[in-house]
Amino acid sequence: MTKPQAVAMDRPRGTGRPSVLSAVEAPDVVRRLLKGYDISTLIWANPDHRYAIVRAILVRGDDQAAHWLGSILRRNEVRALVRQYRGAGCNEPERRKLRRELRLTVSDIPNRPYLGFEWQSHA
């Protein structure tokens, strides 16, 4: 599997420099979504880290987190990033949410088997 190509989105709207260098600089509503990470190590310029932040906001964030994201990235940039990573790290219900909210297809974000609560261990 090849590593996704970087999507150019280090610059916020209308400026020539990043407004966010790391997740530490994000508002509380965003930092709370990243509690499974050491936020001091999430660097916005790193596309993998940026995707983790964006994914958390899109999947679990509230309107305030979404508004903050919209002030940093244009909608087409968010779509391109999510499409590039193909929904990595998301279960199928989260992938459906991303497809619906970003108007993406199963070709953009492939289906992932979802076993739900009916899964039985064969152990």
Protein backbone atom coordinates (compact mmCIF):
# COMPACT_ATOMS: atom_id res chain seq x y z
CA MET A 1 0.00 0.00 0.00
CA THR A 2 1.40 3.37 -0.93
CA LYS A 3 1.47 6.32 1.41
CA PRO A 4 -1.05 9.05 0.49
CA GLN A 5 0.33 12.08 -1.30
CA ALA A 6 0.35 15.28 0.71
CA VAL A 7 -2.53 17.63 0.02
CA ALA A 8 -1.50 21.27 0.03
CA MET A 9 -3.48 22.81 2.86
CA ASP A 10 -0.95 24.14 5.32
CA ARG A 11 -2.26 27.66 4.82
CA PRO A 12 -5.48 29.04 6.25
CA ARG A 13 -7.76 31.16 4.11
CA GLY A 14 -6.26 34.38 2.88
CA THR A 15 -2.86 34.09 4.54
CA GLY A 16 0.54 32.83 3.58
CA ARG A 17 1.39 30.97 6.79
CA PRO A 18 -0.21 28.24 8.87
CA SER A 19 -2.43 29.47 11.66
CA VAL A 20 -2.14 26.17 13.50
CA LEU A 21 1.24 24.62 14.11
CA SER A 22 0.08 21.85 16.43
CA ALA A 23 -3.07 20.53 18.05
CA VAL A 24 -2.10 22.37 21.24
CA GLU A 25 -3.15 25.60 19.50
CA ALA A 26 -6.62 24.27 18.64
CA PRO A 27 -9.58 25.36 20.79
CA ASP A 28 -10.72 23.23 23.73
CA VAL A 29 -13.64 21.77 21.77
CA VAL A 30 -11.12 20.28 19.32
CA ARG A 31 -8.50 19.25 21.87
CA ARG A 32 -11.13 17.25 23.79
CA LEU A 33 -11.74 15.19 20.65
CA LEU A 34 -8.07 14.25 20.58
CA LYS A 35 -7.82 12.86 24.11
CA GLY A 36 -6.36 9.58 22.79
CA TYR A 37 -3.36 11.48 21.41
CA ASP A 38 -0.48 13.41 22.92
CA ILE A 39 -1.65 16.66 21.37
CA SER A 40 1.77 18.26 21.70
CA THR A 41 3.02 15.79 19.08
CA LEU A 42 0.22 16.36 16.54
CA ILE A 43 1.81 18.70 14.02
CA TRP A 44 -0.58 20.36 11.53
CA ALA A 45 2.03 20.38 8.75
CA ASN A 46 2.20 16.57 8.91
CA PRO A 47 -0.59 15.29 6.61
CA ASP A 48 -1.15 12.17 8.75
CA HIS A 49 -1.59 14.28 11.87
CA ARG A 50 -3.79 16.77 10.03
CA TYR A 51 -6.02 13.91 8.89
CA ALA A 52 -6.31 12.59 12.46
CA ILE A 53 -7.45 16.03 13.65
CA VAL A 54 -9.87 16.52 10.76
CA ARG A 55 -11.28 12.99 11.12
CA ALA A 56 -11.93 13.50 14.85
CA ILE A 57 -13.77 16.76 14.16
CA LEU A 58 -15.89 15.32 11.35
CA VAL A 59 -16.77 12.10 13.15
CA ARG A 60 -17.23 13.28 16.75
CA GLY A 61 -17.06 17.06 16.73
CA ASP A 62 -19.81 19.54 17.48
CA ASP A 63 -20.76 22.70 15.59
CA GLN A 64 -18.02 24.73 17.31
CA ALA A 65 -15.32 22.25 16.26
CA ALA A 66 -16.71 22.18 12.70
CA HIS A 67 -16.74 25.98 12.61
CA TRP A 68 -13.10 26.09 13.71
CA LEU A 69 -12.18 23.55 11.02
CA GLY A 70 -14.00 25.67 8.44
CA SER A 71 -11.92 28.68 9.47
CA ILE A 72 -8.73 26.71 8.83
CA LEU A 73 -9.56 24.66 5.73
CA ARG A 74 -11.93 25.13 2.84
CA ARG A 75 -14.57 22.45 2.37
CA ASN A 76 -12.91 21.19 -0.82
CA GLU A 77 -9.63 20.81 1.09
CA VAL A 78 -11.35 18.79 3.80
CA ARG A 79 -12.98 16.60 1.12
CA ALA A 80 -9.64 16.09 -0.62
CA LEU A 81 -7.91 15.10 2.61
CA VAL A 82 -10.60 12.62 3.65
CA ARG A 83 -10.76 11.23 0.12
CA GLN A 84 -6.98 10.86 0.02
CA TYR A 85 -6.97 8.80 3.24
CA ARG A 86 -10.06 6.86 2.12
CA GLY A 87 -11.65 6.94 5.58
CA ALA A 88 -8.69 5.30 7.33
CA GLY A 89 -9.29 4.81 11.03
CA CYS A 90 -13.08 4.95 10.67
CA ASN A 91 -15.58 2.18 11.20
CA GLU A 92 -18.37 1.75 8.67
CA PRO A 93 -20.93 4.01 10.43
CA GLU A 94 -18.30 6.76 10.57
CA ARG A 95 -17.44 6.19 6.90
CA ARG A 96 -21.13 6.53 5.99
CA LYS A 97 -21.25 9.80 7.92
CA LEU A 98 -18.18 11.10 6.06
CA ARG A 99 -19.63 10.06 2.70
CA ARG A 100 -22.93 11.77 3.45
CA GLU A 101 -21.53 14.99 4.91
CA LEU A 102 -18.79 15.42 2.32
CA ARG A 103 -20.80 14.04 -0.62
CA LEU A 104 -18.28 11.31 -1.31
CA THR A 105 -18.90 7.86 -2.79
CA VAL A 106 -17.99 4.30 -1.92
CA SER A 107 -15.23 4.67 -4.52
CA ASP A 108 -13.84 7.57 -2.47
CA ILE A 109 -14.26 5.90 0.91
CA PRO A 110 -14.63 2.13 0.52
CA ASN A 111 -17.03 0.10 2.63
CA ARG A 112 -15.57 -1.52 5.70
CA PRO A 113 -17.17 -4.62 7.14
CA TYR A 114 -19.27 -3.68 10.14
CA LEU A 115 -20.08 -6.51 12.47
CA GLY A 116 -22.10 -4.43 14.91
CA PHE A 117 -23.39 -5.94 18.12
CA GLU A 118 -24.19 -9.28 16.55
CA TRP A 119 -20.51 -10.24 16.27
CA GLN A 120 -19.71 -13.51 17.97
CA SER A 121 -16.24 -14.60 19.00
CA HIS A 122 -15.15 -17.98 17.68
CA ALA A 123 -12.75 -18.49 20.55
